[in-house]
Amino acid sequence: MSVAELFEPLTLRHGPTMRNRFMLAPLTNQQSERDGAVSKFDQSWMEQLAQSGYALIQTGAATVEASGIAYERQLGIHSDEHLYGLTQMATAIRDGGGISAVQLHHAGHRASPELGGVPAPASSLTLP
């Protein structure tokens, strides 16, 4: 692939065409509200990224259930109460010409009891 091709649109089999081939990988930033809701810092970060030229912007690991939390101030997607902030973030990305995606996450056996997590090993053979 040539450097010039990085700036060409990428048509996916399903979903919208990406304006180029630049994608921001999920980054852990620990700046959400303590209940997993989008904070003003999350929103500001996504607004800045939306103007950066990326075709696809992904959130950091977002908990799919409250008991699967791994770290403090982790973004959540496990409650209807999270929808407003998530919608605002997605809208900012779309308004900037990008596509949004959420990294779904459950900490499994690494869920943090200190934060309300309930460790859930995949099997009895899971190591500590």
N, C-alpha and C. Protein backbone atom coordinates (compact mmCIF):
# COMPACT_ATOMS: atom_id res chain seq x y z
N MET A 1 0.85 -1.17 0.00
CA MET A 1 0.00 0.00 0.00
C MET A 1 0.90 1.24 0.00
N SER A 2 0.57 2.17 -0.85
CA SER A 2 1.34 3.41 -0.90
C SER A 2 0.82 4.38 0.15
N VAL A 3 1.61 5.37 0.48
CA VAL A 3 1.20 6.39 1.44
C VAL A 3 -0.05 7.10 0.94
N ALA A 4 -0.13 7.36 -0.33
CA ALA A 4 -1.30 8.05 -0.90
C ALA A 4 -2.58 7.27 -0.65
N GLU A 5 -2.49 5.94 -0.67
CA GLU A 5 -3.68 5.12 -0.45
C GLU A 5 -4.25 5.26 0.96
N LEU A 6 -3.43 5.66 1.91
CA LEU A 6 -3.90 5.87 3.28
C LEU A 6 -4.98 6.94 3.34
N PHE A 7 -4.95 7.86 2.39
CA PHE A 7 -5.89 8.97 2.38
C PHE A 7 -7.11 8.72 1.50
N GLU A 8 -7.16 7.56 0.86
CA GLU A 8 -8.31 7.22 0.02
C GLU A 8 -9.42 6.61 0.87
N PRO A 9 -10.68 6.79 0.46
CA PRO A 9 -11.79 6.19 1.19
C PRO A 9 -11.68 4.66 1.22
N LEU A 10 -12.23 4.08 2.26
CA LEU A 10 -12.25 2.62 2.42
C LEU A 10 -13.70 2.19 2.53
N THR A 11 -14.15 1.41 1.54
CA THR A 11 -15.52 0.92 1.54
C THR A 11 -15.56 -0.42 2.27
N LEU A 12 -16.35 -0.48 3.31
CA LEU A 12 -16.51 -1.70 4.10
C LEU A 12 -17.66 -2.53 3.54
N ARG A 13 -17.65 -3.80 3.83
CA ARG A 13 -18.72 -4.67 3.35
C ARG A 13 -20.07 -4.25 3.94
N HIS A 14 -20.04 -3.83 5.20
CA HIS A 14 -21.26 -3.37 5.89
C HIS A 14 -20.95 -2.04 6.55
N GLY A 15 -21.90 -1.15 6.57
CA GLY A 15 -21.70 0.13 7.24
C GLY A 15 -21.22 1.21 6.30
N PRO A 16 -20.98 2.37 6.87
CA PRO A 16 -20.58 3.52 6.03
C PRO A 16 -19.15 3.40 5.51
N THR A 17 -18.89 4.12 4.45
CA THR A 17 -17.54 4.18 3.90
C THR A 17 -16.69 5.08 4.78
N MET A 18 -15.49 4.62 5.07
CA MET A 18 -14.56 5.43 5.86
C MET A 18 -13.89 6.44 4.94
N ARG A 19 -13.71 7.66 5.40
CA ARG A 19 -13.16 8.72 4.55
C ARG A 19 -11.69 8.54 4.23
N ASN A 20 -10.99 7.75 5.03
CA ASN A 20 -9.59 7.41 4.80
C ASN A 20 -9.31 6.12 5.58
N ARG A 21 -8.07 5.76 5.76
CA ARG A 21 -7.75 4.50 6.42
C ARG A 21 -7.11 4.70 7.79
N PHE A 22 -7.31 5.88 8.35
CA PHE A 22 -6.77 6.17 9.68
C PHE A 22 -7.81 5.85 10.75
N MET A 23 -7.41 5.01 11.70
CA MET A 23 -8.30 4.58 12.77
C MET A 23 -7.61 4.77 14.11
N LEU A 24 -8.32 5.35 15.05
CA LEU A 24 -7.78 5.51 16.39
C LEU A 24 -8.14 4.29 17.21
N ALA A 25 -7.13 3.59 17.69
CA ALA A 25 -7.37 2.41 18.52
C ALA A 25 -7.94 2.84 19.87
N PRO A 26 -8.64 1.94 20.56
CA PRO A 26 -9.17 2.27 21.88
C PRO A 26 -8.04 2.63 22.85
N LEU A 27 -8.24 3.71 23.58
CA LEU A 27 -7.26 4.16 24.56
C LEU A 27 -7.91 4.24 25.94
N THR A 28 -7.24 3.72 26.94
CA THR A 28 -7.76 3.80 28.30
C THR A 28 -7.38 5.16 28.87
N ASN A 29 -8.39 5.94 29.25
CA ASN A 29 -8.09 7.28 29.75
C ASN A 29 -8.58 7.55 31.17
N GLN A 30 -9.44 6.71 31.70
CA GLN A 30 -9.91 6.82 33.09
C GLN A 30 -10.38 8.23 33.44
N GLN A 31 -11.25 8.78 32.60
CA GLN A 31 -11.74 10.13 32.86
C GLN A 31 -13.26 10.22 32.88
N SER A 32 -13.94 9.06 32.85
CA SER A 32 -15.40 9.06 32.91
C SER A 32 -15.85 9.33 34.34
N GLU A 33 -17.15 9.53 34.50
CA GLU A 33 -17.70 9.69 35.85
C GLU A 33 -17.57 8.36 36.59
N ARG A 34 -17.68 8.40 37.90
CA ARG A 34 -17.49 7.18 38.70
C ARG A 34 -18.54 6.11 38.41
N ASP A 35 -19.71 6.52 37.90
CA ASP A 35 -20.75 5.54 37.56
C ASP A 35 -20.64 5.07 36.11
N GLY A 36 -19.59 5.47 35.42
CA GLY A 36 -19.38 5.07 34.03
C GLY A 36 -19.95 6.03 33.01
N ALA A 37 -20.67 7.05 33.48
CA ALA A 37 -21.26 8.02 32.54
C ALA A 37 -20.16 8.85 31.89
N VAL A 38 -20.45 9.34 30.70
CA VAL A 38 -19.53 10.21 29.96
C VAL A 38 -19.33 11.49 30.77
N SER A 39 -18.10 11.89 30.94
CA SER A 39 -17.79 13.13 31.66
C SER A 39 -17.55 14.25 30.65
N LYS A 40 -17.43 15.47 31.15
CA LYS A 40 -17.11 16.60 30.26
C LYS A 40 -15.74 16.39 29.62
N PHE A 41 -14.86 15.66 30.31
CA PHE A 41 -13.53 15.39 29.77
C PHE A 41 -13.60 14.37 28.62
N ASP A 42 -14.45 13.35 28.78
CA ASP A 42 -14.68 12.39 27.69
C ASP A 42 -15.20 13.14 26.46
N GLN A 43 -16.21 13.98 26.68
CA GLN A 43 -16.84 14.68 25.57
C GLN A 43 -15.84 15.60 24.88
N SER A 44 -15.07 16.33 25.65
CA SER A 44 -14.08 17.24 25.07
C SER A 44 -13.04 16.46 24.26
N TRP A 45 -12.60 15.33 24.79
CA TRP A 45 -11.61 14.48 24.11
C TRP A 45 -12.17 14.02 22.76
N MET A 46 -13.42 13.55 22.75
CA MET A 46 -14.01 13.07 21.49
C MET A 46 -14.22 14.22 20.51
N GLU A 47 -14.58 15.39 21.00
CA GLU A 47 -14.74 16.55 20.11
C GLU A 47 -13.41 16.91 19.46
N GLN A 48 -12.33 16.86 20.24
CA GLN A 48 -11.01 17.14 19.68
C GLN A 48 -10.63 16.08 18.64
N LEU A 49 -10.86 14.81 18.97
CA LEU A 49 -10.53 13.74 18.03
C LEU A 49 -11.36 13.84 16.76
N ALA A 50 -12.61 14.27 16.90
CA ALA A 50 -13.50 14.37 15.74
C ALA A 50 -12.96 15.35 14.70
N GLN A 51 -12.18 16.30 15.14
CA GLN A 51 -11.60 17.30 14.22
C GLN A 51 -10.21 16.89 13.72
N SER A 52 -9.76 15.70 14.10
CA SER A 52 -8.38 15.29 13.83
C SER A 52 -8.16 14.62 12.48
N GLY A 53 -9.23 14.22 11.82
CA GLY A 53 -9.09 13.58 10.51
C GLY A 53 -9.17 12.06 10.52
N TYR A 54 -9.29 11.45 11.70
CA TYR A 54 -9.45 9.99 11.74
C TYR A 54 -10.76 9.60 11.07
N ALA A 55 -10.76 8.46 10.40
CA ALA A 55 -11.99 7.95 9.80
C ALA A 55 -12.81 7.17 10.83
N LEU A 56 -12.13 6.47 11.73
CA LEU A 56 -12.80 5.66 12.76
C LEU A 56 -12.19 6.01 14.11
N ILE A 57 -13.06 6.34 15.06
CA ILE A 57 -12.62 6.66 16.42
C ILE A 57 -13.34 5.72 17.37
N GLN A 58 -12.58 5.01 18.18
CA GLN A 58 -13.14 4.06 19.13
C GLN A 58 -12.98 4.57 20.56
N THR A 59 -13.96 4.30 21.39
CA THR A 59 -13.83 4.62 22.81
C THR A 59 -12.87 3.63 23.44
N GLY A 60 -12.45 3.94 24.66
CA GLY A 60 -11.70 2.96 25.44
C GLY A 60 -12.66 1.87 25.92
N ALA A 61 -12.14 0.90 26.63
CA ALA A 61 -12.93 -0.23 27.11
C ALA A 61 -14.14 0.26 27.91
N ALA A 62 -15.34 -0.08 27.45
CA ALA A 62 -16.58 0.32 28.12
C ALA A 62 -17.25 -0.90 28.72
N THR A 63 -17.56 -0.82 30.00
CA THR A 63 -18.13 -1.97 30.71
C THR A 63 -19.50 -2.34 30.15
N VAL A 64 -19.68 -3.63 29.90
CA VAL A 64 -20.97 -4.12 29.40
C VAL A 64 -21.90 -4.52 30.54
N GLU A 65 -21.35 -4.62 31.75
CA GLU A 65 -22.17 -4.78 32.95
C GLU A 65 -21.39 -4.20 34.12
N ALA A 66 -22.11 -3.66 35.07
CA ALA A 66 -21.47 -2.96 36.19
C ALA A 66 -20.48 -3.86 36.94
N SER A 67 -20.79 -5.12 37.05
CA SER A 67 -19.91 -6.03 37.82
C SER A 67 -18.66 -6.42 37.05
N GLY A 68 -18.54 -5.98 35.81
CA GLY A 68 -17.36 -6.31 35.01
C GLY A 68 -16.34 -5.19 34.95
N ILE A 69 -16.42 -4.26 35.90
CA ILE A 69 -15.52 -3.11 35.89
C ILE A 69 -14.09 -3.52 36.23
N ALA A 70 -13.13 -2.95 35.51
CA ALA A 70 -11.72 -3.31 35.71
C ALA A 70 -10.94 -2.22 36.41
N TYR A 71 -11.27 -0.96 36.15
CA TYR A 71 -10.48 0.13 36.70
C TYR A 71 -11.36 1.33 37.00
N GLU A 72 -10.85 2.18 37.85
CA GLU A 72 -11.57 3.36 38.30
C GLU A 72 -11.84 4.31 37.13
N ARG A 73 -13.04 4.90 37.16
CA ARG A 73 -13.48 5.89 36.17
C ARG A 73 -13.52 5.31 34.75
N GLN A 74 -13.93 4.04 34.67
CA GLN A 74 -14.05 3.36 33.37
C GLN A 74 -15.37 3.74 32.72
N LEU A 75 -15.34 4.01 31.43
CA LEU A 75 -16.54 4.31 30.67
C LEU A 75 -17.50 3.13 30.74
N GLY A 76 -18.79 3.41 30.82
CA GLY A 76 -19.80 2.36 30.88
C GLY A 76 -20.75 2.42 29.70
N ILE A 77 -21.28 1.24 29.36
CA ILE A 77 -22.32 1.15 28.33
C ILE A 77 -23.38 0.15 28.80
N HIS A 78 -23.39 -0.09 30.11
CA HIS A 78 -24.24 -1.12 30.69
C HIS A 78 -25.57 -0.59 31.24
N SER A 79 -25.85 0.68 31.06
CA SER A 79 -27.08 1.24 31.62
C SER A 79 -27.69 2.24 30.64
N ASP A 80 -29.00 2.31 30.62
CA ASP A 80 -29.67 3.31 29.80
C ASP A 80 -29.26 4.72 30.21
N GLU A 81 -28.83 4.89 31.45
CA GLU A 81 -28.39 6.19 31.94
C GLU A 81 -27.12 6.67 31.21
N HIS A 82 -26.41 5.76 30.57
CA HIS A 82 -25.20 6.11 29.84
C HIS A 82 -25.50 6.59 28.42
N LEU A 83 -26.69 6.34 27.93
CA LEU A 83 -27.02 6.61 26.53
C LEU A 83 -26.86 8.07 26.12
N TYR A 84 -27.28 8.98 26.95
CA TYR A 84 -27.22 10.39 26.57
C TYR A 84 -25.78 10.80 26.25
N GLY A 85 -24.85 10.54 27.15
CA GLY A 85 -23.45 10.92 26.94
C GLY A 85 -22.83 10.19 25.77
N LEU A 86 -23.12 8.90 25.63
CA LEU A 86 -22.59 8.13 24.52
C LEU A 86 -23.10 8.67 23.18
N THR A 87 -24.37 9.06 23.17
CA THR A 87 -24.96 9.64 21.97
C THR A 87 -24.29 10.97 21.62
N GLN A 88 -24.00 11.77 22.63
CA GLN A 88 -23.33 13.05 22.41
C GLN A 88 -21.93 12.83 21.83
N MET A 89 -21.21 11.84 22.36
CA MET A 89 -19.88 11.54 21.83
C MET A 89 -19.96 11.08 20.39
N ALA A 90 -20.88 10.17 20.10
CA ALA A 90 -21.03 9.65 18.73
C ALA A 90 -21.42 10.76 17.76
N THR A 91 -22.28 11.66 18.21
CA THR A 91 -22.70 12.78 17.37
C THR A 91 -21.53 13.69 17.05
N ALA A 92 -20.68 13.96 18.04
CA ALA A 92 -19.51 14.81 17.80
C ALA A 92 -18.59 14.17 16.76
N ILE A 93 -18.41 12.87 16.85
CA ILE A 93 -17.55 12.15 15.90
C ILE A 93 -18.16 12.21 14.50
N ARG A 94 -19.45 11.93 14.41
CA ARG A 94 -20.13 11.95 13.11
C ARG A 94 -20.12 13.35 12.51
N ASP A 95 -20.35 14.37 13.34
CA ASP A 95 -20.33 15.75 12.85
C ASP A 95 -18.94 16.13 12.33
N GLY A 96 -17.90 15.50 12.86
CA GLY A 96 -16.53 15.75 12.40
C GLY A 96 -16.16 14.92 11.18
N GLY A 97 -17.09 14.09 10.70
CA GLY A 97 -16.84 13.29 9.50
C GLY A 97 -16.34 11.89 9.75
N GLY A 98 -16.30 11.48 11.02
CA GLY A 98 -15.79 10.15 11.35
C GLY A 98 -16.89 9.15 11.67
N ILE A 99 -16.46 7.94 11.90
CA ILE A 99 -17.33 6.84 12.32
C ILE A 99 -16.95 6.50 13.75
N SER A 100 -17.94 6.25 14.59
CA SER A 100 -17.68 5.93 15.99
C SER A 100 -17.87 4.44 16.25
N ALA A 101 -17.11 3.96 17.23
CA ALA A 101 -17.26 2.57 17.68
C ALA A 101 -16.95 2.52 19.17
N VAL A 102 -17.54 1.56 19.85
CA VAL A 102 -17.31 1.37 21.28
C VAL A 102 -16.58 0.06 21.48
N GLN A 103 -15.52 0.09 22.27
CA GLN A 103 -14.84 -1.15 22.64
C GLN A 103 -15.59 -1.75 23.83
N LEU A 104 -16.28 -2.85 23.59
CA LEU A 104 -17.03 -3.53 24.65
C LEU A 104 -16.06 -4.28 25.55
N HIS A 105 -16.32 -4.24 26.87
CA HIS A 105 -15.36 -4.82 27.80
C HIS A 105 -16.04 -5.40 29.04
N HIS A 106 -15.55 -6.55 29.46
CA HIS A 106 -15.88 -7.15 30.75
C HIS A 106 -14.57 -7.65 31.32
N ALA A 107 -14.25 -7.30 32.53
CA ALA A 107 -12.95 -7.63 33.11
C ALA A 107 -12.81 -9.11 33.48
N GLY A 108 -13.89 -9.87 33.49
CA GLY A 108 -13.79 -11.30 33.81
C GLY A 108 -13.18 -11.54 35.17
N HIS A 109 -12.16 -12.39 35.22
CA HIS A 109 -11.55 -12.70 36.53
C HIS A 109 -10.73 -11.54 37.08
N ARG A 110 -10.55 -10.49 36.28
CA ARG A 110 -9.82 -9.31 36.75
C ARG A 110 -10.75 -8.17 37.18
N ALA A 111 -12.05 -8.45 37.29
CA ALA A 111 -12.98 -7.43 37.77
C ALA A 111 -12.56 -6.99 39.16
N SER A 112 -12.68 -5.71 39.43
CA SER A 112 -12.19 -5.13 40.67
C SER A 112 -13.26 -5.07 41.75
N PRO A 113 -13.16 -5.92 42.79
CA PRO A 113 -14.14 -5.88 43.88
C PRO A 113 -14.17 -4.52 44.59
N GLU A 114 -13.03 -3.84 44.65
CA GLU A 114 -12.96 -2.52 45.29
C GLU A 114 -13.87 -1.50 44.61
N LEU A 115 -14.18 -1.74 43.34
CA LEU A 115 -15.02 -0.82 42.57
C LEU A 115 -16.42 -1.37 42.32
N GLY A 116 -16.75 -2.49 42.98
CA GLY A 116 -18.05 -3.11 42.79
C GLY A 116 -18.03 -4.24 41.78
N GLY A 117 -16.85 -4.56 41.26
CA GLY A 117 -16.74 -5.66 40.30
C GLY A 117 -16.84 -7.01 40.98
N VAL A 118 -17.28 -7.99 40.23
CA VAL A 118 -17.39 -9.36 40.72
C VAL A 118 -16.54 -10.23 39.80
N PRO A 119 -15.37 -10.69 40.29
CA PRO A 119 -14.53 -11.54 39.43
C PRO A 119 -15.31 -12.74 38.90
N ALA A 120 -15.20 -12.96 37.60
CA ALA A 120 -15.92 -14.03 36.94
C ALA A 120 -14.97 -14.79 36.03
N PRO A 121 -14.28 -15.81 36.59
CA PRO A 121 -13.32 -16.56 35.79
C PRO A 121 -14.01 -17.31 34.65
N ALA A 122 -13.28 -17.50 33.57
CA ALA A 122 -13.81 -18.23 32.43
C ALA A 122 -13.97 -19.72 32.75
N SER A 123 -13.13 -20.23 33.65
CA SER A 123 -13.22 -21.63 34.05
C SER A 123 -12.53 -21.80 35.40
N SER A 124 -12.62 -23.00 35.94
CA SER A 124 -11.96 -23.28 37.23
C SER A 124 -10.44 -23.34 37.06
N LEU A 125 -9.95 -23.34 35.83
CA LEU A 125 -8.52 -23.39 35.56
C LEU A 125 -7.90 -22.00 35.41
N THR A 126 -8.70 -20.95 35.57
CA THR A 126 -8.19 -19.59 35.43
C THR A 126 -7.19 -19.30 36.54
N LEU A 127 -6.05 -18.76 36.15
CA LEU A 127 -5.00 -18.44 37.12
C LEU A 127 -5.28 -17.08 37.77
N PRO A 128 -4.82 -16.88 39.01
CA PRO A 128 -5.02 -15.57 39.66
C PRO A 128 -4.26 -14.48 38.92
